[in-house]
N, C-alpha and C. Protein backbone atom coordinates (compact mmCIF):
# COMPACT_ATOMS: atom_id res chain seq x y z
N UNK A 1 0.90 -1.25 -0.16
CA UNK A 1 0.07 -0.07 -0.02
C UNK A 1 0.91 1.34 0.06
N UNK A 2 1.88 1.19 0.80
CA UNK A 2 2.76 2.47 0.85
C UNK A 2 3.43 2.82 -0.59
N UNK A 3 3.90 1.80 -1.27
CA UNK A 3 4.25 1.92 -2.54
C UNK A 3 3.40 2.43 -3.48
N UNK A 4 2.26 2.01 -3.36
CA UNK A 4 1.10 2.66 -4.35
C UNK A 4 1.01 4.02 -4.01
N UNK A 5 0.99 4.44 -2.73
CA UNK A 5 0.72 5.83 -2.39
C UNK A 5 1.95 6.63 -3.00
N UNK A 6 3.20 6.15 -2.73
CA UNK A 6 4.49 6.74 -3.08
C UNK A 6 4.37 6.96 -4.63
N UNK A 7 4.00 5.79 -5.46
CA UNK A 7 3.87 5.88 -6.88
C UNK A 7 2.89 7.10 -7.17
N UNK A 8 1.91 6.99 -6.63
CA UNK A 8 0.77 7.97 -7.00
C UNK A 8 1.28 9.39 -6.68
N UNK A 9 2.00 9.39 -5.69
CA UNK A 9 2.43 10.85 -5.21
C UNK A 9 3.57 11.31 -6.24
N UNK A 10 4.49 10.62 -6.63
CA UNK A 10 5.38 10.90 -7.56
C UNK A 10 4.79 11.24 -9.09
N UNK A 11 3.70 10.51 -9.46
CA UNK A 11 3.10 10.71 -10.73
C UNK A 11 2.47 12.12 -10.67
N UNK A 12 1.79 12.29 -9.62
CA UNK A 12 0.92 13.62 -9.56
C UNK A 12 1.85 14.75 -9.55
N UNK A 13 2.95 14.68 -8.59
CA UNK A 13 3.86 15.74 -8.73
C UNK A 13 4.73 16.03 -10.04
N UNK A 14 4.94 14.82 -10.71
CA UNK A 14 5.49 15.14 -11.94
C UNK A 14 4.71 15.62 -12.87
N UNK A 15 3.19 15.37 -12.93
CA UNK A 15 2.49 15.86 -13.91
C UNK A 15 2.01 17.41 -13.56
N UNK A 16 2.19 17.67 -12.32
CA UNK A 16 2.16 19.36 -11.99
C UNK A 16 3.33 19.99 -12.48
N UNK A 17 4.45 19.31 -12.22
CA UNK A 17 5.61 20.05 -12.53
C UNK A 17 5.81 20.35 -14.16
N UNK A 18 5.25 19.27 -14.93
CA UNK A 18 5.19 19.19 -16.42
C UNK A 18 4.16 20.56 -16.86
N UNK A 19 3.15 20.62 -16.24
CA UNK A 19 2.05 21.44 -16.52
C UNK A 19 2.81 22.81 -16.28
N UNK A 20 3.19 23.04 -15.27
CA UNK A 20 4.03 24.38 -14.81
C UNK A 20 5.19 24.63 -15.74
N UNK A 21 5.85 23.55 -16.41
CA UNK A 21 6.94 23.92 -17.37
C UNK A 21 6.18 24.41 -18.75
N UNK A 22 5.07 23.83 -18.99
CA UNK A 22 4.56 24.04 -20.21
C UNK A 22 3.93 25.45 -20.04
N UNK A 23 3.44 25.82 -19.12
CA UNK A 23 2.95 27.31 -18.82
C UNK A 23 4.12 28.29 -18.94
N UNK A 24 4.98 27.89 -18.40
CA UNK A 24 6.23 28.94 -18.43
C UNK A 24 6.78 29.03 -19.86
N UNK A 25 6.78 28.07 -20.68
CA UNK A 25 7.27 28.15 -22.00
C UNK A 25 6.22 29.00 -22.64
N UNK A 26 4.98 28.71 -22.55
CA UNK A 26 3.94 29.43 -23.31
C UNK A 26 3.98 30.90 -23.06
N UNK A 27 4.20 31.27 -21.71
CA UNK A 27 4.29 32.73 -21.36
C UNK A 27 5.68 33.39 -22.06
N UNK A 28 6.80 32.58 -22.22
CA UNK A 28 7.87 33.06 -22.88
C UNK A 28 7.74 33.24 -24.35
N UNK A 29 7.02 32.40 -24.93
CA UNK A 29 6.54 32.33 -26.31
C UNK A 29 5.73 33.37 -26.73
N UNK A 30 4.89 34.03 -25.80
CA UNK A 30 3.78 34.97 -25.93
C UNK A 30 2.57 34.33 -26.11
N UNK A 31 2.39 32.92 -25.94
CA UNK A 31 1.14 32.39 -26.34
C UNK A 31 0.24 32.68 -24.87
N UNK A 32 -0.91 32.97 -25.17
CA UNK A 32 -1.83 33.26 -23.89
C UNK A 32 -1.82 32.14 -22.95
N UNK A 33 -1.80 32.42 -21.67
CA UNK A 33 -1.96 31.37 -20.72
C UNK A 33 -3.27 31.50 -19.80
N UNK A 34 -3.75 30.47 -19.28
CA UNK A 34 -4.95 30.73 -18.45
C UNK A 34 -4.60 31.38 -17.32
N UNK A 35 -5.24 32.50 -17.09
CA UNK A 35 -5.02 33.28 -15.91
C UNK A 35 -5.94 32.79 -14.67
N UNK A 36 -6.91 32.02 -14.89
CA UNK A 36 -7.79 31.40 -13.87
C UNK A 36 -7.04 30.95 -12.71
N UNK A 37 -7.41 31.16 -11.36
CA UNK A 37 -6.73 30.72 -10.22
C UNK A 37 -7.21 29.29 -9.98
N UNK A 38 -6.48 28.18 -10.25
CA UNK A 38 -6.65 26.85 -10.04
C UNK A 38 -6.13 26.37 -8.83
N UNK A 39 -6.81 25.82 -7.99
CA UNK A 39 -6.37 25.41 -6.75
C UNK A 39 -5.34 24.36 -6.77
N UNK A 40 -5.44 23.54 -7.93
CA UNK A 40 -4.19 22.53 -8.10
C UNK A 40 -2.83 23.26 -8.47
N UNK A 41 -2.86 24.48 -8.99
CA UNK A 41 -1.42 25.03 -9.09
C UNK A 41 -0.98 25.44 -8.00
N UNK A 42 -1.30 25.15 -6.63
CA UNK A 42 -0.78 25.57 -5.54
C UNK A 42 -0.11 24.40 -4.79
N UNK A 43 0.00 23.37 -5.63
CA UNK A 43 0.62 22.14 -4.91
C UNK A 43 2.19 22.32 -5.32
N UNK A 44 2.94 22.01 -4.38
CA UNK A 44 4.57 21.87 -4.44
C UNK A 44 5.12 20.60 -4.20
N UNK A 45 6.10 20.26 -4.61
CA UNK A 45 6.86 18.93 -4.24
C UNK A 45 8.06 19.50 -3.52
N UNK A 46 8.35 18.89 -2.19
CA UNK A 46 9.18 19.34 -1.22
C UNK A 46 9.93 18.16 -0.58
N UNK A 47 11.12 18.34 -0.01
CA UNK A 47 11.92 17.53 0.62
C UNK A 47 11.91 17.96 2.16
N UNK A 48 11.49 17.04 2.97
CA UNK A 48 11.50 17.50 4.34
C UNK A 48 12.32 16.90 5.62
N UNK A 49 12.31 17.30 6.71
CA UNK A 49 12.87 16.68 7.92
C UNK A 49 11.84 16.82 9.10
N UNK A 50 11.33 15.66 9.32
CA UNK A 50 10.37 15.32 10.38
C UNK A 50 10.94 14.96 11.70
N UNK A 51 10.31 15.61 12.80
CA UNK A 51 10.66 15.08 14.02
C UNK A 51 9.31 14.34 14.54
N UNK A 52 9.45 13.10 14.68
CA UNK A 52 8.35 12.26 14.98
C UNK A 52 8.31 11.87 16.39
N UNK A 53 7.11 11.97 17.01
CA UNK A 53 6.97 11.63 18.41
C UNK A 53 6.33 10.19 18.46
N UNK A 54 6.99 9.35 19.45
CA UNK A 54 6.38 7.95 19.56
C UNK A 54 5.68 7.84 21.03
N UNK A 55 4.38 7.18 20.76
CA UNK A 55 3.52 7.10 21.76
C UNK A 55 4.23 6.36 23.01
N UNK A 56 4.86 5.12 22.67
CA UNK A 56 5.61 4.28 23.67
C UNK A 56 7.07 4.48 23.11
N UNK A 57 8.17 4.40 23.90
CA UNK A 57 9.39 4.43 23.44
C UNK A 57 9.69 3.60 22.41
N UNK A 58 10.48 3.84 21.38
CA UNK A 58 11.15 3.06 20.35
C UNK A 58 12.26 2.55 21.04
N UNK A 59 12.34 1.19 21.06
CA UNK A 59 13.56 0.39 21.69
C UNK A 59 14.72 0.23 20.72
N UNK A 60 15.68 0.90 20.89
CA UNK A 60 16.83 0.86 19.75
C UNK A 60 17.55 -0.30 20.22
N UNK A 61 17.85 -0.48 21.39
CA UNK A 61 18.91 -1.50 21.89
C UNK A 61 18.65 -2.13 23.24
N UNK A 62 18.59 -3.42 23.48
CA UNK A 62 18.34 -3.94 24.64
C UNK A 62 19.63 -5.11 24.98
N UNK A 63 19.65 -5.46 26.11
CA UNK A 63 20.60 -6.35 26.42
C UNK A 63 20.23 -7.30 27.59
N UNK A 64 20.93 -8.43 27.67
CA UNK A 64 20.87 -9.44 28.86
C UNK A 64 22.01 -9.19 29.81
N UNK A 65 21.71 -9.13 31.08
CA UNK A 65 22.97 -8.85 32.04
C UNK A 65 22.81 -9.84 33.05
N UNK A 66 23.97 -10.26 33.55
CA UNK A 66 24.26 -11.17 34.80
C UNK A 66 23.90 -12.54 34.44
N UNK A 67 24.16 -13.23 35.52
CA UNK A 67 23.74 -14.76 35.58
C UNK A 67 22.44 -15.06 35.52
N UNK A 68 21.55 -14.15 36.13
CA UNK A 68 20.04 -14.25 36.33
C UNK A 68 19.44 -13.85 34.81
N UNK A 69 20.28 -13.29 33.90
CA UNK A 69 19.82 -12.91 32.48
C UNK A 69 18.67 -11.92 32.57
N UNK A 70 19.03 -10.78 33.34
CA UNK A 70 18.04 -9.62 33.50
C UNK A 70 18.10 -8.84 32.17
N UNK A 71 16.97 -8.49 31.78
CA UNK A 71 16.67 -7.79 30.49
C UNK A 71 16.91 -6.16 30.94
N UNK A 72 17.75 -5.59 30.11
CA UNK A 72 17.84 -4.18 30.42
C UNK A 72 17.79 -3.43 29.14
N UNK A 73 17.09 -2.31 28.88
CA UNK A 73 17.08 -1.53 27.99
C UNK A 73 18.19 -0.45 27.81
N UNK A 74 19.03 -0.67 26.88
CA UNK A 74 20.20 0.20 26.97
C UNK A 74 19.84 1.46 26.00
N UNK A 75 19.12 1.43 25.02
CA UNK A 75 19.00 2.85 24.32
C UNK A 75 17.23 2.71 23.88
N UNK A 76 16.67 3.74 23.97
CA UNK A 76 15.31 3.77 23.57
C UNK A 76 15.16 5.41 23.12
N UNK A 77 14.26 5.69 22.28
CA UNK A 77 13.83 7.19 22.28
C UNK A 77 12.46 7.29 22.00
N UNK A 78 11.97 8.71 22.27
CA UNK A 78 10.55 8.98 22.34
C UNK A 78 10.16 9.78 21.08
N UNK A 79 11.48 10.38 20.57
CA UNK A 79 11.38 11.29 19.29
C UNK A 79 12.40 10.76 18.27
N UNK A 80 12.15 11.03 17.07
CA UNK A 80 13.00 10.44 16.14
C UNK A 80 13.21 11.42 14.91
N UNK A 81 14.24 11.99 14.31
CA UNK A 81 14.26 12.73 13.15
C UNK A 81 14.18 11.73 11.90
N UNK A 82 13.65 12.22 10.90
CA UNK A 82 13.44 11.29 9.70
C UNK A 82 13.38 12.24 8.32
N UNK A 83 13.72 11.70 7.24
CA UNK A 83 13.63 12.41 6.04
C UNK A 83 12.30 12.00 5.12
N UNK A 84 11.69 13.06 4.66
CA UNK A 84 10.51 12.75 4.05
C UNK A 84 10.45 13.38 2.64
N UNK A 85 9.47 12.75 1.70
CA UNK A 85 9.21 13.25 0.54
C UNK A 85 7.87 13.79 0.82
N UNK A 86 7.76 15.13 0.55
CA UNK A 86 6.28 15.80 0.81
C UNK A 86 5.76 16.55 -0.38
N UNK A 87 4.46 16.64 -0.42
CA UNK A 87 3.72 17.66 -1.33
C UNK A 87 2.92 18.51 -0.30
N UNK A 88 3.10 19.90 -0.95
CA UNK A 88 2.22 20.78 0.00
C UNK A 88 1.28 21.39 -0.90
N UNK A 89 0.14 21.93 -0.26
CA UNK A 89 -0.61 22.91 -0.97
C UNK A 89 -0.94 23.91 -0.24
N UNK A 90 -0.85 25.19 -0.78
CA UNK A 90 -0.96 26.48 -0.22
C UNK A 90 -2.12 27.14 -0.50
N UNK A 91 -3.07 27.65 0.43
CA UNK A 91 -4.17 28.47 0.27
C UNK A 91 -3.99 29.86 0.05
N UNK A 92 -3.76 30.26 -1.39
CA UNK A 92 -3.30 31.61 -1.73
C UNK A 92 -4.29 32.50 -1.43
N UNK A 93 -5.64 32.31 -1.12
CA UNK A 93 -6.78 33.35 -0.78
C UNK A 93 -6.61 33.88 0.48
N UNK A 94 -5.81 33.14 1.40
CA UNK A 94 -5.61 33.46 2.75
C UNK A 94 -4.27 33.64 3.30
N UNK A 95 -4.08 34.39 4.44
CA UNK A 95 -2.72 34.71 4.79
C UNK A 95 -2.29 35.92 4.15
N UNK A 96 -1.00 36.34 4.36
CA UNK A 96 -0.46 37.52 3.96
C UNK A 96 0.35 37.35 2.62
N UNK A 97 1.07 38.32 2.05
CA UNK A 97 1.96 38.05 1.00
C UNK A 97 3.08 37.24 1.12
N UNK A 98 3.46 37.11 2.46
CA UNK A 98 4.58 36.22 2.60
C UNK A 98 4.42 34.90 3.32
N UNK A 99 3.29 34.81 3.79
CA UNK A 99 2.88 33.67 4.65
C UNK A 99 1.57 33.08 4.34
N UNK A 100 1.46 31.99 3.99
CA UNK A 100 0.05 31.43 3.70
C UNK A 100 -0.23 29.93 4.52
N UNK A 101 -1.42 29.79 4.85
CA UNK A 101 -1.79 28.33 5.34
C UNK A 101 -1.88 27.35 4.32
N UNK A 102 -1.69 26.06 4.69
CA UNK A 102 -1.90 25.04 3.89
C UNK A 102 -1.82 23.81 4.42
N UNK A 103 -1.78 22.55 3.54
CA UNK A 103 -1.69 21.31 4.13
C UNK A 103 -0.49 20.57 3.37
N UNK A 104 -0.19 19.41 4.05
CA UNK A 104 1.00 18.63 3.50
C UNK A 104 0.55 17.15 3.44
N UNK A 105 1.20 16.32 2.67
CA UNK A 105 1.11 15.03 2.73
C UNK A 105 2.53 14.36 2.59
N UNK A 106 3.09 13.52 3.40
CA UNK A 106 4.37 13.16 3.19
C UNK A 106 4.61 11.70 3.47
N UNK A 107 5.62 11.15 2.78
CA UNK A 107 5.94 9.69 2.79
C UNK A 107 7.36 9.69 3.24
N UNK A 108 7.67 8.79 4.36
CA UNK A 108 8.94 8.75 5.01
C UNK A 108 9.84 8.00 4.02
N UNK A 109 11.11 8.69 3.73
CA UNK A 109 12.29 8.24 2.82
C UNK A 109 13.16 7.53 3.74
N UNK A 110 13.61 8.14 5.04
CA UNK A 110 14.74 7.51 5.61
C UNK A 110 14.31 7.70 7.11
N UNK A 111 14.61 6.87 8.09
CA UNK A 111 14.15 6.84 9.45
C UNK A 111 14.99 6.18 10.33
N UNK A 112 14.43 5.60 11.41
CA UNK A 112 15.11 4.74 12.42
C UNK A 112 15.70 3.62 11.67
N UNK A 113 16.96 3.11 12.00
CA UNK A 113 17.40 1.79 11.67
C UNK A 113 17.49 1.81 10.03
N UNK A 114 17.56 3.03 9.63
CA UNK A 114 17.78 3.03 7.92
C UNK A 114 16.49 2.60 7.41
N UNK A 115 15.44 2.65 7.98
CA UNK A 115 14.14 2.03 7.19
C UNK A 115 13.62 3.11 6.30
N UNK A 116 12.88 2.73 5.26
CA UNK A 116 12.35 3.58 4.37
C UNK A 116 10.94 3.07 4.11
N UNK A 117 10.28 4.18 3.83
CA UNK A 117 8.86 3.85 3.33
C UNK A 117 8.04 3.28 4.39
N UNK A 118 8.14 3.59 5.66
CA UNK A 118 7.43 2.84 6.67
C UNK A 118 6.61 4.02 7.40
N UNK A 119 6.24 5.17 6.89
CA UNK A 119 5.55 6.19 7.53
C UNK A 119 4.86 7.12 6.47
N UNK A 120 3.78 7.39 6.83
CA UNK A 120 3.03 8.55 6.27
C UNK A 120 2.47 9.57 7.09
N UNK A 121 2.37 10.75 6.67
CA UNK A 121 1.96 11.97 7.43
C UNK A 121 0.96 12.87 6.73
N UNK A 122 0.01 13.44 7.47
CA UNK A 122 -0.82 14.47 6.77
C UNK A 122 -1.04 15.51 8.06
N UNK A 123 -0.82 16.64 7.46
CA UNK A 123 -1.27 17.86 8.47
C UNK A 123 -1.42 19.13 8.00
N UNK A 124 -1.38 20.24 8.85
CA UNK A 124 -1.36 21.65 8.30
C UNK A 124 -0.01 22.12 8.58
N UNK A 125 0.10 23.28 7.78
CA UNK A 125 1.49 23.98 7.59
C UNK A 125 1.31 25.34 7.39
N UNK A 126 2.25 26.09 7.88
CA UNK A 126 2.41 27.48 7.33
C UNK A 126 3.50 27.47 6.26
N UNK A 127 3.38 28.18 5.05
CA UNK A 127 4.13 28.31 4.10
C UNK A 127 4.86 29.69 4.06
N UNK A 128 6.03 29.90 4.11
CA UNK A 128 6.70 30.98 4.23
C UNK A 128 7.28 31.18 2.81
N UNK A 129 6.66 32.22 1.93
CA UNK A 129 6.72 32.21 0.45
C UNK A 129 8.16 33.00 0.14
N UNK A 130 8.87 32.50 -0.93
CA UNK A 130 9.86 33.17 -1.58
C UNK A 130 9.97 33.04 -3.05
N UNK A 131 10.41 33.95 -3.74
CA UNK A 131 10.54 33.90 -5.21
C UNK A 131 11.22 32.73 -5.71
N UNK A 132 10.89 31.96 -6.58
CA UNK A 132 11.57 31.00 -7.22
C UNK A 132 12.78 31.48 -8.25
N UNK A 133 13.50 30.37 -8.67
CA UNK A 133 14.65 30.94 -9.43
C UNK A 133 14.25 31.54 -10.71
N UNK A 134 13.14 31.22 -11.37
CA UNK A 134 12.70 31.84 -12.57
C UNK A 134 11.88 33.20 -12.33
N UNK A 135 11.73 33.73 -11.04
CA UNK A 135 11.20 34.72 -10.46
C UNK A 135 9.46 34.77 -10.60
N UNK A 136 9.01 33.78 -11.18
CA UNK A 136 7.49 33.65 -11.33
C UNK A 136 7.05 32.75 -10.30
N UNK A 137 7.56 31.51 -10.29
CA UNK A 137 6.92 30.44 -9.36
C UNK A 137 7.48 30.70 -7.97
N UNK A 138 6.38 30.85 -6.86
CA UNK A 138 6.77 31.12 -5.56
C UNK A 138 7.17 29.94 -4.98
N UNK A 139 8.37 29.88 -4.30
CA UNK A 139 8.86 28.44 -3.51
C UNK A 139 8.55 28.84 -2.13
N UNK A 140 8.55 27.89 -1.32
CA UNK A 140 8.22 28.15 0.19
C UNK A 140 9.04 27.29 0.96
N UNK A 141 9.31 27.76 2.23
CA UNK A 141 9.77 27.06 3.33
C UNK A 141 8.57 26.73 4.20
N UNK A 142 8.35 25.41 4.63
CA UNK A 142 7.13 25.11 5.27
C UNK A 142 7.31 24.56 6.70
N UNK A 143 6.48 24.82 7.63
CA UNK A 143 6.56 24.56 9.01
C UNK A 143 5.07 23.86 9.31
N UNK A 144 5.15 22.43 9.48
CA UNK A 144 3.87 21.88 9.70
C UNK A 144 3.72 21.00 10.87
N UNK A 145 2.63 20.70 11.33
CA UNK A 145 2.15 19.91 12.49
C UNK A 145 0.98 19.02 12.05
N UNK A 146 1.40 17.51 12.00
CA UNK A 146 0.20 16.71 11.58
C UNK A 146 0.38 15.29 12.33
N UNK A 147 -0.50 14.57 11.71
CA UNK A 147 -0.67 13.02 12.31
C UNK A 147 0.21 12.20 11.47
N UNK A 148 1.12 11.05 12.11
CA UNK A 148 1.87 10.34 11.57
C UNK A 148 1.53 8.91 11.91
N UNK A 149 1.57 8.17 10.74
CA UNK A 149 1.56 6.65 11.27
C UNK A 149 3.03 6.01 10.86
N UNK A 150 3.67 5.52 11.85
CA UNK A 150 5.04 5.08 11.58
C UNK A 150 5.20 3.70 12.29
N UNK A 151 6.20 2.81 11.84
CA UNK A 151 6.64 1.64 12.56
C UNK A 151 7.22 1.94 14.08
N UNK A 152 7.08 1.07 14.89
CA UNK A 152 7.68 1.20 16.43
C UNK A 152 8.16 -0.08 16.58
N UNK A 153 9.18 -0.15 17.73
CA UNK A 153 9.86 -1.37 18.10
C UNK A 153 9.71 -1.55 19.49
N UNK A 154 9.03 -2.62 20.09
CA UNK A 154 8.92 -2.96 21.56
C UNK A 154 9.64 -4.29 21.88
N UNK A 155 9.88 -4.63 23.03
CA UNK A 155 10.09 -5.97 23.50
C UNK A 155 8.90 -6.98 23.09
N UNK A 156 9.45 -8.21 22.72
CA UNK A 156 8.24 -9.16 22.40
C UNK A 156 7.36 -9.49 23.53
N UNK A 157 6.37 -9.75 23.45
CA UNK A 157 5.52 -10.43 24.36
C UNK A 157 6.20 -11.38 25.22
N UNK A 158 5.98 -11.25 26.61
CA UNK A 158 6.64 -12.20 27.46
C UNK A 158 7.95 -11.57 27.97
N UNK A 159 8.62 -10.74 27.46
CA UNK A 159 10.04 -10.17 27.88
C UNK A 159 9.74 -8.85 28.44
N UNK A 160 10.09 -8.85 29.76
CA UNK A 160 9.81 -7.42 30.48
C UNK A 160 11.16 -6.88 30.84
N UNK A 161 11.21 -5.50 30.83
CA UNK A 161 12.47 -4.91 31.35
C UNK A 161 12.64 -5.17 32.77
N UNK A 162 13.68 -5.33 33.29
CA UNK A 162 14.06 -5.46 34.76
C UNK A 162 13.85 -6.95 35.24
N UNK A 163 13.40 -8.01 34.32
CA UNK A 163 13.09 -9.15 34.92
C UNK A 163 13.88 -10.10 33.89
N UNK A 164 14.09 -11.33 34.54
CA UNK A 164 14.82 -12.30 33.95
C UNK A 164 14.20 -12.62 32.49
N UNK A 165 15.05 -12.92 31.54
CA UNK A 165 14.64 -13.24 30.10
C UNK A 165 13.89 -14.60 30.30
N UNK A 166 12.75 -14.88 29.89
CA UNK A 166 12.06 -16.25 30.03
C UNK A 166 12.94 -17.22 29.32
N UNK A 167 12.66 -18.56 29.79
CA UNK A 167 13.33 -19.69 29.37
C UNK A 167 13.26 -20.10 28.07
N UNK A 168 12.11 -19.76 27.39
CA UNK A 168 11.84 -20.06 26.08
C UNK A 168 12.39 -18.89 25.06
N UNK A 169 13.11 -18.15 25.66
CA UNK A 169 14.00 -17.13 24.70
C UNK A 169 15.53 -17.40 24.86
N UNK A 170 16.24 -17.54 23.90
CA UNK A 170 17.53 -17.66 23.67
C UNK A 170 18.26 -16.15 23.85
N UNK A 171 17.57 -15.38 23.03
CA UNK A 171 17.93 -13.85 23.08
C UNK A 171 16.80 -12.94 23.10
N UNK A 172 17.17 -11.70 23.20
CA UNK A 172 16.09 -10.79 23.16
C UNK A 172 15.42 -10.75 21.79
N UNK A 173 13.98 -10.77 21.77
CA UNK A 173 13.42 -10.63 20.48
C UNK A 173 12.46 -9.18 20.68
N UNK A 174 12.19 -8.77 19.38
CA UNK A 174 11.40 -7.56 19.48
C UNK A 174 10.24 -7.83 18.60
N UNK A 175 9.08 -7.00 18.75
CA UNK A 175 8.03 -6.87 17.93
C UNK A 175 7.91 -5.47 17.37
N UNK A 176 7.48 -5.47 16.14
CA UNK A 176 7.34 -4.31 15.35
C UNK A 176 5.93 -4.05 15.22
N UNK A 177 5.33 -2.99 15.26
CA UNK A 177 3.96 -2.68 15.10
C UNK A 177 3.83 -1.18 14.43
N UNK A 178 2.70 -0.93 13.80
CA UNK A 178 2.38 0.49 13.08
C UNK A 178 1.55 1.18 14.50
N UNK A 179 1.98 2.53 14.66
CA UNK A 179 1.28 3.19 15.63
C UNK A 179 0.93 4.63 15.02
N UNK A 180 0.00 5.24 15.39
CA UNK A 180 -0.47 6.69 15.16
C UNK A 180 0.10 7.54 16.20
N UNK A 181 0.64 8.72 15.77
CA UNK A 181 1.15 9.84 16.58
C UNK A 181 1.29 10.96 16.08
N UNK A 182 1.89 12.05 16.39
CA UNK A 182 1.92 13.35 15.76
C UNK A 182 3.47 13.72 15.50
N UNK A 183 3.76 14.70 14.58
CA UNK A 183 5.01 15.12 14.24
C UNK A 183 5.15 16.49 13.83
N UNK A 184 6.29 17.08 13.86
CA UNK A 184 6.58 18.45 13.38
C UNK A 184 7.29 18.27 12.01
N UNK A 185 6.89 18.91 10.92
CA UNK A 185 7.55 18.69 9.78
C UNK A 185 8.22 20.13 9.11
N UNK A 186 9.35 19.95 8.84
CA UNK A 186 9.95 21.26 8.20
C UNK A 186 10.50 20.79 6.81
N UNK A 187 9.90 21.56 5.79
CA UNK A 187 10.23 21.20 4.38
C UNK A 187 10.31 22.46 3.57
N UNK A 188 10.98 22.32 2.39
CA UNK A 188 11.23 23.27 1.34
C UNK A 188 10.86 22.84 0.02
N UNK A 189 10.31 23.60 -0.62
CA UNK A 189 9.89 23.24 -2.05
C UNK A 189 11.24 22.99 -2.96
N UNK A 190 11.07 21.96 -3.62
CA UNK A 190 12.27 21.61 -4.75
C UNK A 190 11.79 21.94 -6.18
N UNK A 191 10.51 21.88 -6.51
CA UNK A 191 9.92 22.28 -7.67
C UNK A 191 8.50 22.40 -7.56
């Protein structure tokens, strides 16, 4: 499912970019362009850095200690930075000339343990506008807050921190599951 969403996201943003290139070429050649305000023109493709919050700590590393084989968690995190592929939509009718409200949709590209494509996020953002390289297309730096679904890692059922490793386990095992939480997204338009 995640791959399908990623492919649709890439196809959609590529189509938007192609349409914008055609419109730019038409305006250079003097061909009339459509001056209607189309809400789809406000979509941008961006790369983002997200700070994800985990509902329960994500266990990075655990170990067995002593002759009683006591389980200890050596490293865990409640927050994690990650790299995202994002599309932003900006509401041009609202806000000021340099800041506009909008929404974003993101797919995680790189995260904990070098995992890829294991998270989706949707949220609201504030787009800080700036002129593009061509002077026409406005680019933006975006700060967003949204809902995220991502993978998390816990001790396997039956294994408890601070207690002896059960006899039916040779080593520490983990269980991975998907959870919903929230995140902060920082992104910048690339086209």
